[in-house]
Amino acid sequence: MKKILLASFAIIAMSVAVNAQGGFRLGIKGGLNLNQIEGVSFNNGFNFGYHLGGFAEIDFTKKFGIQPEVLWNQSNTQVSAEFATLYPSITNPNTLNQEVVLNYLSIPLLLRYNLGSMFSIVAGPQFGILMNKNQNLLQNGQKAFSEGDFSAVAGLQVNLKALRLYGRYNIGMKNINQIDQKDKWTSQQIQLGVGLRL
């Protein structure tokens, strides 16, 4: 499934690039994540992570284009005391306040609207493939988190020749709790980063 999704993304991106009238550019990017998982099983507050990857800018006109990306995206959070209340049969003493690190292969497919030559607004869906299952969270090794996530992304980008400065807000649209339906887990993420057009 993962290979099919990635292959489909690559084919779509290349097809659009070939047909794009305004231009095609590639770049690399990276930055800071502030993330949390909403749900009583996890502590409130944002935790630090990072993201690294590449992007393409495909322009249809001077105003409109798309910006597909592939990112290694880390999300961190901490288990709350409520986890033990909701899931006593699968909780061990080391679970409480345990840090949970989730590494995703994220694929944002963003529509870009250029406000002149310096600023761009980006928005669109983001598909995430969980690369680690964090099996140490549960005593019996049960997989707690869904293999995929789906988010909505909106942000602002500053374009300084080849340099890109950006800030984004990603909100999860899918319940990533794979244990049961007692507690809904959804992701939130603020991204701040720098990109370099090649």
N, C-alpha and C. Protein backbone atom coordinates (compact mmCIF):
# COMPACT_ATOMS: atom_id res chain seq x y z
N MET A 1 0.82 -1.20 0.00
CA MET A 1 0.00 0.00 0.00
C MET A 1 0.87 1.26 0.00
N LYS A 2 1.91 1.25 0.83
CA LYS A 2 2.80 2.41 0.91
C LYS A 2 3.48 2.64 -0.43
N LYS A 3 3.96 1.55 -1.05
CA LYS A 3 4.65 1.69 -2.33
C LYS A 3 3.71 2.19 -3.41
N ILE A 4 2.47 1.73 -3.38
CA ILE A 4 1.48 2.17 -4.37
C ILE A 4 1.20 3.65 -4.21
N LEU A 5 1.03 4.09 -2.96
CA LEU A 5 0.76 5.51 -2.69
C LEU A 5 1.92 6.39 -3.16
N LEU A 6 3.14 5.99 -2.85
CA LEU A 6 4.31 6.78 -3.24
C LEU A 6 4.50 6.79 -4.76
N ALA A 7 4.28 5.65 -5.39
CA ALA A 7 4.41 5.58 -6.84
C ALA A 7 3.35 6.45 -7.52
N SER A 8 2.12 6.42 -7.00
CA SER A 8 1.05 7.25 -7.55
C SER A 8 1.39 8.72 -7.42
N PHE A 9 1.90 9.10 -6.25
CA PHE A 9 2.28 10.49 -6.01
C PHE A 9 3.36 10.93 -7.00
N ALA A 10 4.35 10.09 -7.21
CA ALA A 10 5.46 10.43 -8.11
C ALA A 10 4.96 10.59 -9.54
N ILE A 11 4.08 9.70 -9.98
CA ILE A 11 3.55 9.77 -11.35
C ILE A 11 2.73 11.03 -11.55
N ILE A 12 1.87 11.35 -10.57
CA ILE A 12 1.04 12.57 -10.67
C ILE A 12 1.92 13.80 -10.71
N ALA A 13 2.91 13.85 -9.82
CA ALA A 13 3.79 15.03 -9.77
C ALA A 13 4.54 15.21 -11.08
N MET A 14 5.05 14.12 -11.67
CA MET A 14 5.79 14.23 -12.92
C MET A 14 4.88 14.62 -14.08
N SER A 15 3.66 14.06 -14.09
CA SER A 15 2.71 14.39 -15.17
C SER A 15 2.33 15.85 -15.14
N VAL A 16 2.06 16.35 -13.94
CA VAL A 16 1.69 17.76 -13.81
C VAL A 16 2.86 18.64 -14.20
N ALA A 17 4.07 18.22 -13.80
CA ALA A 17 5.27 19.01 -14.12
C ALA A 17 5.47 19.14 -15.63
N VAL A 18 5.23 18.05 -16.33
CA VAL A 18 5.41 18.07 -17.78
C VAL A 18 4.43 19.03 -18.43
N ASN A 19 3.18 19.07 -17.88
CA ASN A 19 2.14 19.89 -18.49
C ASN A 19 2.06 21.31 -17.93
N ALA A 20 2.83 21.59 -16.90
CA ALA A 20 2.77 22.92 -16.28
C ALA A 20 3.28 23.97 -17.26
N GLN A 21 2.54 25.10 -17.33
CA GLN A 21 2.90 26.16 -18.27
C GLN A 21 3.83 27.19 -17.64
N GLY A 22 3.70 27.42 -16.32
CA GLY A 22 4.40 28.52 -15.70
C GLY A 22 5.80 28.20 -15.22
N GLY A 23 6.13 26.94 -14.99
CA GLY A 23 7.46 26.61 -14.51
C GLY A 23 7.45 25.47 -13.52
N PHE A 24 8.62 24.91 -13.34
CA PHE A 24 8.78 23.77 -12.43
C PHE A 24 10.11 23.93 -11.71
N ARG A 25 10.05 23.89 -10.37
CA ARG A 25 11.25 24.04 -9.54
C ARG A 25 11.24 23.01 -8.43
N LEU A 26 12.43 22.56 -8.04
CA LEU A 26 12.59 21.62 -6.94
C LEU A 26 13.34 22.31 -5.81
N GLY A 27 13.19 21.78 -4.58
CA GLY A 27 13.91 22.35 -3.46
C GLY A 27 13.96 21.40 -2.28
N ILE A 28 14.75 21.78 -1.30
CA ILE A 28 14.84 21.02 -0.05
C ILE A 28 14.39 21.93 1.09
N LYS A 29 13.94 21.32 2.19
CA LYS A 29 13.42 22.12 3.29
C LYS A 29 13.57 21.39 4.60
N GLY A 30 13.46 22.14 5.69
CA GLY A 30 13.52 21.54 7.02
C GLY A 30 13.16 22.58 8.06
N GLY A 31 12.80 22.09 9.26
CA GLY A 31 12.45 23.03 10.31
C GLY A 31 11.93 22.37 11.56
N LEU A 32 11.27 23.18 12.35
CA LEU A 32 10.80 22.82 13.69
C LEU A 32 9.32 22.49 13.66
N ASN A 33 8.94 21.46 14.40
CA ASN A 33 7.53 21.13 14.63
C ASN A 33 7.17 21.40 16.07
N LEU A 34 5.99 21.96 16.29
CA LEU A 34 5.37 22.02 17.61
C LEU A 34 4.10 21.19 17.49
N ASN A 35 4.06 20.04 18.18
CA ASN A 35 2.93 19.14 18.00
C ASN A 35 2.33 18.67 19.30
N GLN A 36 1.06 18.30 19.19
CA GLN A 36 0.38 17.64 20.30
C GLN A 36 -0.68 16.70 19.72
N ILE A 37 -1.04 15.71 20.54
CA ILE A 37 -2.15 14.83 20.18
C ILE A 37 -3.30 15.17 21.10
N GLU A 38 -4.42 15.55 20.52
CA GLU A 38 -5.62 15.88 21.28
C GLU A 38 -6.27 14.59 21.75
N GLY A 39 -6.67 14.57 23.02
CA GLY A 39 -7.30 13.40 23.61
C GLY A 39 -6.89 13.32 25.07
N VAL A 40 -7.78 12.82 25.92
CA VAL A 40 -7.49 12.81 27.36
C VAL A 40 -6.35 11.85 27.71
N SER A 41 -6.00 10.95 26.80
CA SER A 41 -4.90 10.01 27.06
C SER A 41 -3.53 10.67 27.01
N PHE A 42 -3.46 11.92 26.53
CA PHE A 42 -2.18 12.59 26.36
C PHE A 42 -2.18 13.95 27.04
N ASN A 43 -1.01 14.37 27.50
CA ASN A 43 -0.88 15.66 28.17
C ASN A 43 -1.11 16.80 27.19
N ASN A 44 -1.76 17.87 27.69
CA ASN A 44 -1.95 19.06 26.88
C ASN A 44 -0.63 19.79 26.70
N GLY A 45 -0.53 20.54 25.65
CA GLY A 45 0.68 21.32 25.40
C GLY A 45 1.45 20.78 24.22
N PHE A 46 2.17 21.69 23.57
CA PHE A 46 2.92 21.34 22.37
C PHE A 46 4.33 20.87 22.73
N ASN A 47 4.80 19.89 21.99
CA ASN A 47 6.15 19.35 22.16
C ASN A 47 6.94 19.54 20.87
N PHE A 48 8.27 19.58 21.01
CA PHE A 48 9.13 19.84 19.86
C PHE A 48 9.41 18.58 19.05
N GLY A 49 9.49 18.76 17.76
CA GLY A 49 9.91 17.74 16.82
C GLY A 49 10.59 18.44 15.65
N TYR A 50 10.74 17.74 14.53
CA TYR A 50 11.38 18.35 13.37
C TYR A 50 10.81 17.74 12.10
N HIS A 51 11.08 18.39 10.98
CA HIS A 51 10.73 17.85 9.68
C HIS A 51 11.83 18.16 8.68
N LEU A 52 12.04 17.24 7.75
CA LEU A 52 13.04 17.37 6.69
C LEU A 52 12.47 16.77 5.41
N GLY A 53 12.81 17.36 4.28
CA GLY A 53 12.33 16.76 3.04
C GLY A 53 12.56 17.62 1.82
N GLY A 54 11.73 17.37 0.82
CA GLY A 54 11.85 18.08 -0.44
C GLY A 54 10.50 18.56 -0.92
N PHE A 55 10.52 19.51 -1.86
CA PHE A 55 9.28 20.06 -2.40
C PHE A 55 9.46 20.37 -3.88
N ALA A 56 8.34 20.53 -4.55
CA ALA A 56 8.31 20.99 -5.93
C ALA A 56 7.35 22.16 -6.03
N GLU A 57 7.68 23.12 -6.83
CA GLU A 57 6.79 24.24 -7.13
C GLU A 57 6.41 24.14 -8.60
N ILE A 58 5.13 23.96 -8.86
CA ILE A 58 4.63 23.79 -10.22
C ILE A 58 3.64 24.91 -10.48
N ASP A 59 3.99 25.86 -11.31
CA ASP A 59 3.15 27.03 -11.58
C ASP A 59 2.29 26.83 -12.81
N PHE A 60 1.02 27.14 -12.67
CA PHE A 60 0.11 27.15 -13.83
C PHE A 60 0.01 28.56 -14.41
N THR A 61 -0.02 29.56 -13.52
CA THR A 61 -0.01 30.97 -13.90
C THR A 61 0.90 31.69 -12.91
N LYS A 62 0.98 33.02 -13.03
CA LYS A 62 1.77 33.78 -12.06
C LYS A 62 1.15 33.75 -10.67
N LYS A 63 -0.16 33.53 -10.62
CA LYS A 63 -0.88 33.55 -9.34
C LYS A 63 -1.05 32.17 -8.72
N PHE A 64 -1.33 31.16 -9.54
CA PHE A 64 -1.70 29.85 -9.02
C PHE A 64 -0.69 28.77 -9.41
N GLY A 65 -0.52 27.84 -8.47
CA GLY A 65 0.31 26.68 -8.71
C GLY A 65 0.04 25.63 -7.65
N ILE A 66 0.74 24.53 -7.71
CA ILE A 66 0.65 23.51 -6.68
C ILE A 66 2.05 23.25 -6.11
N GLN A 67 2.07 22.74 -4.90
CA GLN A 67 3.35 22.49 -4.21
C GLN A 67 3.29 21.12 -3.52
N PRO A 68 3.57 20.05 -4.24
CA PRO A 68 3.66 18.74 -3.60
C PRO A 68 4.97 18.61 -2.84
N GLU A 69 4.94 17.88 -1.73
CA GLU A 69 6.13 17.71 -0.89
C GLU A 69 6.20 16.28 -0.38
N VAL A 70 7.39 15.89 0.01
CA VAL A 70 7.62 14.63 0.73
C VAL A 70 8.48 14.97 1.94
N LEU A 71 7.97 14.69 3.15
CA LEU A 71 8.65 15.10 4.38
C LEU A 71 8.81 13.93 5.35
N TRP A 72 9.95 13.88 6.03
CA TRP A 72 10.10 13.06 7.23
C TRP A 72 9.64 13.96 8.37
N ASN A 73 8.59 13.55 9.07
CA ASN A 73 7.88 14.44 9.98
C ASN A 73 7.76 13.79 11.36
N GLN A 74 8.41 14.38 12.37
CA GLN A 74 8.40 13.79 13.72
C GLN A 74 7.37 14.51 14.60
N SER A 75 6.57 13.71 15.30
CA SER A 75 5.57 14.24 16.22
C SER A 75 5.80 13.62 17.59
N ASN A 76 5.90 14.46 18.64
CA ASN A 76 6.16 14.00 20.00
C ASN A 76 5.03 14.40 20.93
N THR A 77 4.74 13.56 21.92
CA THR A 77 3.75 13.87 22.93
C THR A 77 4.04 13.03 24.18
N GLN A 78 3.25 13.21 25.24
CA GLN A 78 3.43 12.44 26.47
C GLN A 78 2.10 11.85 26.91
N VAL A 79 2.16 10.62 27.39
CA VAL A 79 0.97 9.93 27.89
C VAL A 79 0.54 10.55 29.22
N SER A 80 -0.76 10.76 29.41
CA SER A 80 -1.29 11.33 30.65
C SER A 80 -1.75 10.22 31.60
N ALA A 81 -2.12 10.61 32.82
CA ALA A 81 -2.63 9.66 33.81
C ALA A 81 -3.95 9.04 33.36
N GLU A 82 -4.69 9.74 32.51
CA GLU A 82 -5.98 9.23 32.03
C GLU A 82 -5.82 7.97 31.18
N PHE A 83 -4.64 7.78 30.62
CA PHE A 83 -4.41 6.57 29.82
C PHE A 83 -4.61 5.33 30.67
N ALA A 84 -4.08 5.37 31.91
CA ALA A 84 -4.21 4.23 32.82
C ALA A 84 -5.67 3.99 33.21
N THR A 85 -6.45 5.05 33.32
CA THR A 85 -7.88 4.92 33.66
C THR A 85 -8.66 4.29 32.51
N LEU A 86 -8.37 4.73 31.31
CA LEU A 86 -9.10 4.22 30.15
C LEU A 86 -8.65 2.83 29.73
N TYR A 87 -7.35 2.54 29.92
CA TYR A 87 -6.79 1.27 29.43
C TYR A 87 -6.00 0.57 30.54
N PRO A 88 -6.66 0.22 31.66
CA PRO A 88 -5.92 -0.39 32.79
C PRO A 88 -5.31 -1.75 32.46
N SER A 89 -5.96 -2.50 31.59
CA SER A 89 -5.48 -3.86 31.31
C SER A 89 -4.20 -3.88 30.48
N ILE A 90 -3.89 -2.78 29.82
CA ILE A 90 -2.71 -2.77 28.96
C ILE A 90 -1.70 -1.71 29.39
N THR A 91 -1.87 -1.18 30.61
CA THR A 91 -0.96 -0.15 31.11
C THR A 91 0.04 -0.76 32.07
N ASN A 92 1.29 -0.33 31.97
CA ASN A 92 2.30 -0.74 32.93
C ASN A 92 2.84 0.51 33.63
N PRO A 93 3.55 0.37 34.74
CA PRO A 93 4.02 1.54 35.50
C PRO A 93 4.87 2.51 34.69
N ASN A 94 5.55 2.01 33.68
CA ASN A 94 6.42 2.88 32.87
C ASN A 94 5.65 3.69 31.83
N THR A 95 4.34 3.40 31.69
CA THR A 95 3.55 4.08 30.67
C THR A 95 3.29 5.53 31.03
N LEU A 96 3.04 5.82 32.31
CA LEU A 96 2.65 7.16 32.72
C LEU A 96 3.76 8.16 32.43
N ASN A 97 3.39 9.27 31.83
CA ASN A 97 4.31 10.35 31.44
C ASN A 97 5.38 9.91 30.45
N GLN A 98 5.17 8.75 29.83
CA GLN A 98 6.12 8.29 28.82
C GLN A 98 6.04 9.17 27.58
N GLU A 99 7.19 9.51 27.03
CA GLU A 99 7.20 10.27 25.78
C GLU A 99 6.92 9.33 24.62
N VAL A 100 6.05 9.76 23.74
CA VAL A 100 5.69 8.99 22.56
C VAL A 100 6.24 9.73 21.34
N VAL A 101 7.05 9.05 20.55
CA VAL A 101 7.63 9.64 19.35
C VAL A 101 7.04 8.93 18.13
N LEU A 102 6.38 9.69 17.28
CA LEU A 102 5.78 9.15 16.06
C LEU A 102 6.49 9.76 14.86
N ASN A 103 7.04 8.92 14.00
CA ASN A 103 7.71 9.38 12.79
C ASN A 103 6.85 9.07 11.57
N TYR A 104 6.50 10.10 10.83
CA TYR A 104 5.64 9.96 9.67
C TYR A 104 6.39 10.29 8.39
N LEU A 105 6.05 9.59 7.32
CA LEU A 105 6.36 10.04 5.98
C LEU A 105 5.14 10.83 5.54
N SER A 106 5.25 12.16 5.49
CA SER A 106 4.12 13.03 5.19
C SER A 106 4.18 13.51 3.75
N ILE A 107 3.02 13.54 3.11
CA ILE A 107 2.92 13.96 1.72
C ILE A 107 1.85 15.05 1.62
N PRO A 108 2.25 16.33 1.77
CA PRO A 108 1.30 17.42 1.54
C PRO A 108 1.13 17.68 0.04
N LEU A 109 -0.10 17.89 -0.38
CA LEU A 109 -0.42 18.26 -1.76
C LEU A 109 -1.12 19.61 -1.70
N LEU A 110 -0.36 20.68 -1.86
CA LEU A 110 -0.83 22.01 -1.53
C LEU A 110 -1.11 22.85 -2.77
N LEU A 111 -2.20 23.60 -2.70
CA LEU A 111 -2.48 24.63 -3.69
C LEU A 111 -1.78 25.90 -3.23
N ARG A 112 -1.08 26.56 -4.14
CA ARG A 112 -0.35 27.77 -3.79
C ARG A 112 -0.93 28.96 -4.53
N TYR A 113 -1.21 30.04 -3.78
CA TYR A 113 -1.68 31.29 -4.37
C TYR A 113 -0.65 32.36 -4.06
N ASN A 114 -0.09 32.98 -5.09
CA ASN A 114 0.98 33.96 -4.92
C ASN A 114 0.40 35.37 -4.75
N LEU A 115 0.78 36.01 -3.66
CA LEU A 115 0.41 37.40 -3.41
C LEU A 115 1.58 38.27 -3.86
N GLY A 116 1.66 38.54 -5.13
CA GLY A 116 2.84 39.20 -5.66
C GLY A 116 3.97 38.20 -5.78
N SER A 117 5.21 38.69 -5.79
CA SER A 117 6.35 37.79 -5.94
C SER A 117 6.94 37.35 -4.61
N MET A 118 6.54 38.01 -3.50
CA MET A 118 7.21 37.75 -2.23
C MET A 118 6.44 36.81 -1.30
N PHE A 119 5.11 36.81 -1.35
CA PHE A 119 4.32 36.02 -0.41
C PHE A 119 3.44 35.02 -1.14
N SER A 120 3.27 33.85 -0.51
CA SER A 120 2.37 32.82 -1.03
C SER A 120 1.54 32.25 0.11
N ILE A 121 0.29 31.98 -0.19
CA ILE A 121 -0.58 31.25 0.73
C ILE A 121 -0.69 29.82 0.22
N VAL A 122 -0.52 28.86 1.12
CA VAL A 122 -0.63 27.45 0.73
C VAL A 122 -1.72 26.78 1.56
N ALA A 123 -2.44 25.85 0.95
CA ALA A 123 -3.48 25.11 1.66
C ALA A 123 -3.76 23.82 0.91
N GLY A 124 -4.14 22.78 1.67
CA GLY A 124 -4.48 21.52 1.04
C GLY A 124 -4.40 20.36 2.01
N PRO A 125 -4.56 19.15 1.50
CA PRO A 125 -4.51 17.96 2.34
C PRO A 125 -3.08 17.46 2.55
N GLN A 126 -2.91 16.72 3.63
CA GLN A 126 -1.63 16.05 3.89
C GLN A 126 -1.90 14.61 4.29
N PHE A 127 -1.23 13.69 3.62
CA PHE A 127 -1.36 12.27 3.92
C PHE A 127 -0.11 11.83 4.68
N GLY A 128 -0.30 11.09 5.75
CA GLY A 128 0.82 10.64 6.56
C GLY A 128 0.86 9.13 6.69
N ILE A 129 2.04 8.56 6.52
CA ILE A 129 2.24 7.12 6.70
C ILE A 129 3.13 6.94 7.92
N LEU A 130 2.62 6.27 8.96
CA LEU A 130 3.37 6.08 10.20
C LEU A 130 4.49 5.08 9.96
N MET A 131 5.74 5.51 10.22
CA MET A 131 6.89 4.67 9.96
C MET A 131 7.30 3.83 11.17
N ASN A 132 6.92 4.27 12.39
CA ASN A 132 7.18 3.46 13.59
C ASN A 132 5.88 3.31 14.36
N LYS A 133 5.69 2.19 14.99
CA LYS A 133 4.42 1.91 15.67
C LYS A 133 4.48 2.16 17.17
N ASN A 134 5.61 2.58 17.70
CA ASN A 134 5.78 2.88 19.13
C ASN A 134 5.19 1.76 20.00
N GLN A 135 5.61 0.54 19.74
CA GLN A 135 5.01 -0.60 20.41
C GLN A 135 5.35 -0.66 21.90
N ASN A 136 6.36 0.07 22.36
CA ASN A 136 6.69 0.07 23.79
C ASN A 136 5.66 0.79 24.64
N LEU A 137 4.75 1.53 24.00
CA LEU A 137 3.72 2.24 24.75
C LEU A 137 2.83 1.27 25.51
N LEU A 138 2.56 0.13 24.96
CA LEU A 138 1.63 -0.81 25.56
C LEU A 138 2.36 -2.06 26.03
N GLN A 139 1.91 -2.56 27.18
CA GLN A 139 2.58 -3.69 27.83
C GLN A 139 2.60 -4.93 26.95
N ASN A 140 1.53 -5.15 26.22
CA ASN A 140 1.45 -6.37 25.42
C ASN A 140 1.91 -6.17 23.98
N GLY A 141 2.49 -5.00 23.69
CA GLY A 141 3.00 -4.76 22.34
C GLY A 141 1.93 -4.47 21.32
N GLN A 142 0.69 -4.26 21.74
CA GLN A 142 -0.38 -3.95 20.80
C GLN A 142 -0.08 -2.65 20.07
N LYS A 143 -0.45 -2.57 18.83
CA LYS A 143 -0.22 -1.35 18.05
C LYS A 143 -1.28 -0.32 18.40
N ALA A 144 -0.85 0.78 18.99
CA ALA A 144 -1.79 1.78 19.49
C ALA A 144 -2.24 2.76 18.42
N PHE A 145 -1.37 3.07 17.47
CA PHE A 145 -1.64 4.15 16.54
C PHE A 145 -1.95 3.63 15.14
N SER A 146 -2.89 4.28 14.50
CA SER A 146 -3.25 3.96 13.13
C SER A 146 -2.04 4.12 12.21
N GLU A 147 -1.99 3.31 11.17
CA GLU A 147 -0.85 3.35 10.25
C GLU A 147 -0.81 4.62 9.41
N GLY A 148 -1.93 5.31 9.30
CA GLY A 148 -1.96 6.52 8.48
C GLY A 148 -2.70 7.64 9.16
N ASP A 149 -2.40 8.86 8.73
CA ASP A 149 -3.08 10.04 9.24
C ASP A 149 -3.47 10.91 8.05
N PHE A 150 -4.49 11.72 8.24
CA PHE A 150 -4.94 12.64 7.20
C PHE A 150 -5.16 13.99 7.85
N SER A 151 -4.54 15.04 7.31
CA SER A 151 -4.59 16.37 7.91
C SER A 151 -4.96 17.42 6.87
N ALA A 152 -5.45 18.56 7.38
CA ALA A 152 -5.65 19.75 6.56
C ALA A 152 -4.54 20.73 6.91
N VAL A 153 -3.96 21.36 5.89
CA VAL A 153 -2.80 22.24 6.05
C VAL A 153 -3.14 23.63 5.52
N ALA A 154 -2.72 24.66 6.26
CA ALA A 154 -2.83 26.04 5.78
C ALA A 154 -1.62 26.81 6.29
N GLY A 155 -1.07 27.70 5.45
CA GLY A 155 0.10 28.44 5.89
C GLY A 155 0.48 29.59 4.99
N LEU A 156 1.51 30.30 5.39
CA LEU A 156 2.04 31.44 4.67
C LEU A 156 3.52 31.21 4.39
N GLN A 157 3.95 31.57 3.20
CA GLN A 157 5.34 31.39 2.79
C GLN A 157 5.90 32.71 2.28
N VAL A 158 7.13 33.01 2.68
CA VAL A 158 7.85 34.19 2.20
C VAL A 158 8.89 33.71 1.20
N ASN A 159 8.87 34.29 -0.01
CA ASN A 159 9.77 33.89 -1.09
C ASN A 159 10.84 34.96 -1.29
N LEU A 160 12.08 34.64 -0.94
CA LEU A 160 13.21 35.56 -1.08
C LEU A 160 14.20 34.96 -2.07
N LYS A 161 13.95 35.20 -3.37
CA LYS A 161 14.73 34.58 -4.44
C LYS A 161 14.70 33.06 -4.27
N ALA A 162 15.82 32.42 -3.96
CA ALA A 162 15.83 30.96 -3.81
C ALA A 162 15.44 30.50 -2.40
N LEU A 163 15.33 31.42 -1.46
CA LEU A 163 15.04 31.07 -0.07
C LEU A 163 13.54 31.10 0.20
N ARG A 164 13.08 30.14 1.00
CA ARG A 164 11.68 30.06 1.39
C ARG A 164 11.59 30.02 2.92
N LEU A 165 10.83 30.94 3.50
CA LEU A 165 10.55 30.94 4.94
C LEU A 165 9.06 30.69 5.09
N TYR A 166 8.67 29.77 5.98
CA TYR A 166 7.26 29.42 6.04
C TYR A 166 6.79 29.07 7.45
N GLY A 167 5.50 29.26 7.64
CA GLY A 167 4.82 28.82 8.85
C GLY A 167 3.50 28.18 8.45
N ARG A 168 3.17 27.08 9.11
CA ARG A 168 1.95 26.32 8.76
C ARG A 168 1.26 25.79 10.01
N TYR A 169 -0.03 25.55 9.83
CA TYR A 169 -0.80 24.87 10.87
C TYR A 169 -1.44 23.63 10.23
N ASN A 170 -1.19 22.47 10.82
CA ASN A 170 -1.75 21.21 10.34
C ASN A 170 -2.71 20.67 11.40
N ILE A 171 -3.92 20.36 11.01
CA ILE A 171 -4.87 19.80 11.95
C ILE A 171 -5.34 18.44 11.45
N GLY A 172 -5.23 17.44 12.33
CA GLY A 172 -5.61 16.08 11.97
C GLY A 172 -7.11 15.93 11.81
N MET A 173 -7.52 15.25 10.75
CA MET A 173 -8.94 15.03 10.47
C MET A 173 -9.36 13.58 10.76
N LYS A 174 -8.40 12.76 11.20
CA LYS A 174 -8.67 11.33 11.39
C LYS A 174 -8.33 10.92 12.82
N ASN A 175 -9.15 10.03 13.38
CA ASN A 175 -8.86 9.45 14.70
C ASN A 175 -7.75 8.41 14.51
N ILE A 176 -6.59 8.67 15.16
CA ILE A 176 -5.45 7.76 15.00
C ILE A 176 -5.35 6.74 16.13
N ASN A 177 -6.37 6.67 16.99
CA ASN A 177 -6.43 5.65 18.04
C ASN A 177 -6.84 4.32 17.41
N GLN A 178 -5.94 3.35 17.44
CA GLN A 178 -6.23 2.05 16.84
C GLN A 178 -6.61 1.01 17.90
N ILE A 179 -6.67 1.43 19.18
CA ILE A 179 -7.02 0.48 20.24
C ILE A 179 -8.53 0.26 20.27
N ASP A 180 -9.27 1.36 20.43
CA ASP A 180 -10.73 1.31 20.50
C ASP A 180 -11.27 2.72 20.31
N GLN A 181 -12.55 2.93 20.63
CA GLN A 181 -13.18 4.23 20.45
C GLN A 181 -13.42 4.96 21.78
N LYS A 182 -12.74 4.55 22.86
CA LYS A 182 -12.94 5.20 24.16
C LYS A 182 -12.45 6.64 24.14
N ASP A 183 -11.38 6.90 23.45
CA ASP A 183 -10.78 8.23 23.41
C ASP A 183 -10.35 8.53 21.98
N LYS A 184 -10.79 9.68 21.47
CA LYS A 184 -10.42 10.08 20.11
C LYS A 184 -9.08 10.81 20.15
N TRP A 185 -8.13 10.37 19.33
CA TRP A 185 -6.82 10.98 19.25
C TRP A 185 -6.68 11.66 17.88
N THR A 186 -6.45 12.95 17.89
CA THR A 186 -6.19 13.68 16.65
C THR A 186 -4.96 14.55 16.81
N SER A 187 -4.23 14.73 15.75
CA SER A 187 -2.97 15.47 15.79
C SER A 187 -3.17 16.95 15.49
N GLN A 188 -2.33 17.76 16.09
CA GLN A 188 -2.20 19.18 15.76
C GLN A 188 -0.73 19.49 15.63
N GLN A 189 -0.40 20.34 14.68
CA GLN A 189 1.01 20.63 14.45
C GLN A 189 1.20 22.04 13.88
N ILE A 190 2.16 22.75 14.45
CA ILE A 190 2.62 24.02 13.90
C ILE A 190 4.02 23.77 13.34
N GLN A 191 4.22 24.16 12.10
CA GLN A 191 5.53 23.98 11.44
C GLN A 191 6.14 25.33 11.11
N LEU A 192 7.40 25.49 11.46
CA LEU A 192 8.18 26.67 11.09
C LEU A 192 9.45 26.17 10.41
N GLY A 193 9.77 26.71 9.25
CA GLY A 193 10.92 26.15 8.56
C GLY A 193 11.50 27.04 7.48
N VAL A 194 12.57 26.52 6.88
CA VAL A 194 13.30 27.20 5.82
C VAL A 194 13.46 26.24 4.65
N GLY A 195 13.24 26.73 3.45
CA GLY A 195 13.44 25.93 2.25
C GLY A 195 14.43 26.60 1.32
N LEU A 196 15.05 25.81 0.47
CA LEU A 196 16.01 26.33 -0.49
C LEU A 196 15.65 25.77 -1.86
N ARG A 197 15.30 26.66 -2.78
CA ARG A 197 15.00 26.25 -4.15
C ARG A 197 16.29 25.95 -4.88
N LEU A 198 16.33 24.80 -5.52
CA LEU A 198 17.57 24.37 -6.20
C LEU A 198 17.61 24.87 -7.64
